[in-house]
Amino acid sequence: MLLVRQAVEAVTVKGMAHAAFLRGRGTYKYFWGVEDCPTFRRLAIRGGG
């Protein structure tokens, strides 16, 4: 938790509006007031032949 706190403080000091916690729903993220944000994945498959 200390490392997460330091990372959030560093982002705040730099004037950034948000910090990305990567994907997943770890409960520790919600302690910091995280709001869920959808992520998307695109997969392109080349046609055979």
PDB file of N, CA and C in Angstrom:
ATOM      1  N   MET A   1       0.813  -1.195   0.000  1.00  0.00           N
ATOM      2  CA  MET A   1       0.000   0.000   0.000  1.00  0.00           C
ATOM      3  C   MET A   1       0.858   1.261   0.000  1.00  0.00           C
ATOM      4  N   LEU A   2       1.996   1.188   0.622  1.00  0.00           N
ATOM      5  CA  LEU A   2       2.869   2.359   0.676  1.00  0.00           C
ATOM      6  C   LEU A   2       3.352   2.734  -0.721  1.00  0.00           C
ATOM      7  N   LEU A   3       3.697   1.741  -1.508  1.00  0.00           N
ATOM      8  CA  LEU A   3       4.167   2.005  -2.869  1.00  0.00           C
ATOM      9  C   LEU A   3       3.068   2.637  -3.712  1.00  0.00           C
ATOM     10  N   VAL A   4       1.848   2.146  -3.569  1.00  0.00           N
ATOM     11  CA  VAL A   4       0.717   2.722  -4.303  1.00  0.00           C
ATOM     12  C   VAL A   4       0.496   4.164  -3.862  1.00  0.00           C
ATOM     13  N   ARG A   5       0.578   4.400  -2.560  1.00  0.00           N
ATOM     14  CA  ARG A   5       0.401   5.765  -2.053  1.00  0.00           C
ATOM     15  C   ARG A   5       1.441   6.712  -2.645  1.00  0.00           C
ATOM     16  N   GLN A   6       2.680   6.282  -2.675  1.00  0.00           N
ATOM     17  CA  GLN A   6       3.739   7.126  -3.225  1.00  0.00           C
ATOM     18  C   GLN A   6       3.518   7.398  -4.707  1.00  0.00           C
ATOM     19  N   ALA A   7       3.045   6.402  -5.432  1.00  0.00           N
ATOM     20  CA  ALA A   7       2.781   6.583  -6.866  1.00  0.00           C
ATOM     21  C   ALA A   7       1.646   7.582  -7.084  1.00  0.00           C
ATOM     22  N   VAL A   8       0.591   7.475  -6.304  1.00  0.00           N
ATOM     23  CA  VAL A   8      -0.535   8.402  -6.428  1.00  0.00           C
ATOM     24  C   VAL A   8      -0.106   9.814  -6.059  1.00  0.00           C
ATOM     25  N   GLU A   9       0.672   9.958  -5.019  1.00  0.00           N
ATOM     26  CA  GLU A   9       1.156  11.288  -4.630  1.00  0.00           C
ATOM     27  C   GLU A   9       2.043  11.888  -5.706  1.00  0.00           C
ATOM     28  N   ALA A  10       2.885  11.080  -6.331  1.00  0.00           N
ATOM     29  CA  ALA A  10       3.767  11.575  -7.392  1.00  0.00           C
ATOM     30  C   ALA A  10       2.956  12.086  -8.580  1.00  0.00           C
ATOM     31  N   VAL A  11       1.903  11.385  -8.920  1.00  0.00           N
ATOM     32  CA  VAL A  11       1.031  11.811 -10.021  1.00  0.00           C
ATOM     33  C   VAL A  11       0.344  13.123  -9.665  1.00  0.00           C
ATOM     34  N   THR A  12      -0.117  13.236  -8.421  1.00  0.00           N
ATOM     35  CA  THR A  12      -0.801  14.449  -7.972  1.00  0.00           C
ATOM     36  C   THR A  12       0.141  15.652  -8.000  1.00  0.00           C
ATOM     37  N   VAL A  13       1.351  15.459  -7.528  1.00  0.00           N
ATOM     38  CA  VAL A  13       2.336  16.551  -7.500  1.00  0.00           C
ATOM     39  C   VAL A  13       2.626  17.053  -8.917  1.00  0.00           C
ATOM     40  N   LYS A  14       2.625  16.152  -9.877  1.00  0.00           N
ATOM     41  CA  LYS A  14       2.900  16.535 -11.262  1.00  0.00           C
ATOM     42  C   LYS A  14       1.694  17.178 -11.936  1.00  0.00           C
ATOM     43  N   GLY A  15       0.572  17.260 -11.225  1.00  0.00           N
ATOM     44  CA  GLY A  15      -0.616  17.925 -11.764  1.00  0.00           C
ATOM     45  C   GLY A  15      -1.451  17.049 -12.678  1.00  0.00           C
ATOM     46  N   MET A  16      -1.216  15.765 -12.665  1.00  0.00           N
ATOM     47  CA  MET A  16      -1.993  14.864 -13.519  1.00  0.00           C
ATOM     48  C   MET A  16      -3.356  14.599 -12.891  1.00  0.00           C
ATOM     49  N   ALA A  17      -4.334  14.341 -13.729  1.00  0.00           N
ATOM     50  CA  ALA A  17      -5.706  14.166 -13.262  1.00  0.00           C
ATOM     51  C   ALA A  17      -6.013  12.756 -12.767  1.00  0.00           C
ATOM     52  N   HIS A  18      -5.281  11.772 -13.266  1.00  0.00           N
ATOM     53  CA  HIS A  18      -5.570  10.401 -12.839  1.00  0.00           C
ATOM     54  C   HIS A  18      -4.333   9.521 -12.963  1.00  0.00           C
ATOM     55  N   ALA A  19      -4.426   8.384 -12.299  1.00  0.00           N
ATOM     56  CA  ALA A  19      -3.359   7.379 -12.366  1.00  0.00           C
ATOM     57  C   ALA A  19      -3.994   6.063 -12.785  1.00  0.00           C
ATOM     58  N   ALA A  20      -3.355   5.341 -13.661  1.00  0.00           N
ATOM     59  CA  ALA A  20      -3.882   4.059 -14.134  1.00  0.00           C
ATOM     60  C   ALA A  20      -3.364   2.935 -13.238  1.00  0.00           C
ATOM     61  N   PHE A  21      -4.272   2.103 -12.769  1.00  0.00           N
ATOM     62  CA  PHE A  21      -3.922   0.976 -11.930  1.00  0.00           C
ATOM     63  C   PHE A  21      -3.855  -0.331 -12.716  1.00  0.00           C
ATOM     64  N   LEU A  22      -3.877  -0.245 -14.008  1.00  0.00           N
ATOM     65  CA  LEU A  22      -3.906  -1.419 -14.881  1.00  0.00           C
ATOM     66  C   LEU A  22      -5.233  -2.157 -14.736  1.00  0.00           C
ATOM     67  N   ARG A  23      -5.361  -3.249 -15.472  1.00  0.00           N
ATOM     68  CA  ARG A  23      -6.619  -3.990 -15.458  1.00  0.00           C
ATOM     69  C   ARG A  23      -6.755  -4.831 -14.202  1.00  0.00           C
ATOM     70  N   GLY A  24      -7.970  -5.281 -13.980  1.00  0.00           N
ATOM     71  CA  GLY A  24      -8.238  -6.129 -12.828  1.00  0.00           C
ATOM     72  C   GLY A  24      -9.030  -5.387 -11.772  1.00  0.00           C
ATOM     73  N   ARG A  25      -9.649  -6.139 -10.898  1.00  0.00           N
ATOM     74  CA  ARG A  25     -10.496  -5.530  -9.868  1.00  0.00           C
ATOM     75  C   ARG A  25      -9.956  -5.808  -8.473  1.00  0.00           C
ATOM     76  N   GLY A  26      -8.685  -5.589  -8.287  1.00  0.00           N
ATOM     77  CA  GLY A  26      -8.092  -5.784  -6.961  1.00  0.00           C
ATOM     78  C   GLY A  26      -8.762  -4.878  -5.947  1.00  0.00           C
ATOM     79  N   THR A  27      -9.102  -5.415  -4.799  1.00  0.00           N
ATOM     80  CA  THR A  27      -9.813  -4.624  -3.794  1.00  0.00           C
ATOM     81  C   THR A  27      -8.995  -3.441  -3.292  1.00  0.00           C
ATOM     82  N   TYR A  28      -7.680  -3.555  -3.324  1.00  0.00           N
ATOM     83  CA  TYR A  28      -6.851  -2.450  -2.845  1.00  0.00           C
ATOM     84  C   TYR A  28      -7.039  -1.206  -3.699  1.00  0.00           C
ATOM     85  N   LYS A  29      -7.426  -1.374  -4.954  1.00  0.00           N
ATOM     86  CA  LYS A  29      -7.604  -0.224  -5.842  1.00  0.00           C
ATOM     87  C   LYS A  29      -8.765   0.651  -5.394  1.00  0.00           C
ATOM     88  N   TYR A  30      -9.815   0.029  -4.898  1.00  0.00           N
ATOM     89  CA  TYR A  30     -11.004   0.772  -4.512  1.00  0.00           C
ATOM     90  C   TYR A  30     -10.788   1.569  -3.227  1.00  0.00           C
ATOM     91  N   PHE A  31      -9.786   1.213  -2.467  1.00  0.00           N
ATOM     92  CA  PHE A  31      -9.411   1.995  -1.289  1.00  0.00           C
ATOM     93  C   PHE A  31      -9.015   3.411  -1.693  1.00  0.00           C
ATOM     94  N   TRP A  32      -8.459   3.538  -2.891  1.00  0.00           N
ATOM     95  CA  TRP A  32      -7.973   4.826  -3.378  1.00  0.00           C
ATOM     96  C   TRP A  32      -9.021   5.590  -4.180  1.00  0.00           C
ATOM     97  N   GLY A  33     -10.250   5.097  -4.209  1.00  0.00           N
ATOM     98  CA  GLY A  33     -11.317   5.805  -4.908  1.00  0.00           C
ATOM     99  C   GLY A  33     -11.331   5.563  -6.408  1.00  0.00           C
ATOM    100  N   VAL A  34     -10.886   4.406  -6.807  1.00  0.00           N
ATOM    101  CA  VAL A  34     -10.829   4.073  -8.228  1.00  0.00           C
ATOM    102  C   VAL A  34     -12.228   3.988  -8.817  1.00  0.00           C
ATOM    103  N   GLU A  35     -12.383   4.477 -10.027  1.00  0.00           N
ATOM    104  CA  GLU A  35     -13.610   4.309 -10.787  1.00  0.00           C
ATOM    105  C   GLU A  35     -13.306   3.355 -11.931  1.00  0.00           C
ATOM    106  N   ASP A  36     -14.186   2.381 -12.120  1.00  0.00           N
ATOM    107  CA  ASP A  36     -13.981   1.425 -13.203  1.00  0.00           C
ATOM    108  C   ASP A  36     -14.030   2.123 -14.557  1.00  0.00           C
ATOM    109  N   CYS A  37     -13.150   1.733 -15.424  1.00  0.00           N
ATOM    110  CA  CYS A  37     -13.075   2.275 -16.772  1.00  0.00           C
ATOM    111  C   CYS A  37     -12.955   1.083 -17.726  1.00  0.00           C
ATOM    112  N   PRO A  38     -13.840   0.974 -18.691  1.00  0.00           N
ATOM    113  CA  PRO A  38     -13.777  -0.192 -19.583  1.00  0.00           C
ATOM    114  C   PRO A  38     -12.493  -0.202 -20.413  1.00  0.00           C
ATOM    115  N   THR A  39     -11.987  -1.389 -20.616  1.00  0.00           N
ATOM    116  CA  THR A  39     -10.844  -1.562 -21.511  1.00  0.00           C
ATOM    117  C   THR A  39     -11.284  -2.441 -22.667  1.00  0.00           C
ATOM    118  N   PHE A  40     -10.663  -2.259 -23.799  1.00  0.00           N
ATOM    119  CA  PHE A  40     -11.048  -2.982 -24.997  1.00  0.00           C
ATOM    120  C   PHE A  40      -9.837  -3.667 -25.606  1.00  0.00           C
ATOM    121  N   ARG A  41     -10.094  -4.731 -26.296  1.00  0.00           N
ATOM    122  CA  ARG A  41      -9.042  -5.461 -27.001  1.00  0.00           C
ATOM    123  C   ARG A  41      -9.520  -5.707 -28.419  1.00  0.00           C
ATOM    124  N   ARG A  42      -8.661  -5.418 -29.376  1.00  0.00           N
ATOM    125  CA  ARG A  42      -8.969  -5.693 -30.782  1.00  0.00           C
ATOM    126  C   ARG A  42      -7.999  -6.735 -31.283  1.00  0.00           C
ATOM    127  N   LEU A  43      -8.523  -7.664 -32.017  1.00  0.00           N
ATOM    128  CA  LEU A  43      -7.704  -8.730 -32.571  1.00  0.00           C
ATOM    129  C   LEU A  43      -7.938  -8.766 -34.074  1.00  0.00           C
ATOM    130  N   ALA A  44      -6.874  -8.586 -34.824  1.00  0.00           N
ATOM    131  CA  ALA A  44      -6.966  -8.633 -36.282  1.00  0.00           C
ATOM    132  C   ALA A  44      -6.368  -9.942 -36.771  1.00  0.00           C
ATOM    133  N   ILE A  45      -7.126 -10.664 -37.546  1.00  0.00           N
ATOM    134  CA  ILE A  45      -6.662 -11.934 -38.094  1.00  0.00           C
ATOM    135  C   ILE A  45      -6.563 -11.804 -39.595  1.00  0.00           C
ATOM    136  N   ARG A  46      -5.393 -12.100 -40.099  1.00  0.00           N
ATOM    137  CA  ARG A  46      -5.165 -12.026 -41.539  1.00  0.00           C
ATOM    138  C   ARG A  46      -5.809 -13.234 -42.199  1.00  0.00           C
ATOM    139  N   GLY A  47      -6.499 -12.973 -43.301  1.00  0.00           N
ATOM    140  CA  GLY A  47      -7.145 -14.062 -44.039  1.00  0.00           C
ATOM    141  C   GLY A  47      -6.119 -15.003 -44.663  1.00  0.00           C
ATOM    142  N   GLY A  48      -6.380 -16.271 -44.615  1.00  0.00           N
ATOM    143  CA  GLY A  48      -5.455 -17.273 -45.176  1.00  0.00           C
ATOM    144  C   GLY A  48      -5.531 -17.331 -46.695  1.00  0.00           C
ATOM    145  N   GLY A  49      -4.485 -17.842 -47.265  1.00  0.00           N
ATOM    146  CA  GLY A  49      -4.572 -18.120 -48.677  1.00  0.00           C
ATOM    147  C   GLY A  49      -3.630 -17.446 -49.518  1.00  0.00           C
TER     148      GLY A  49
END
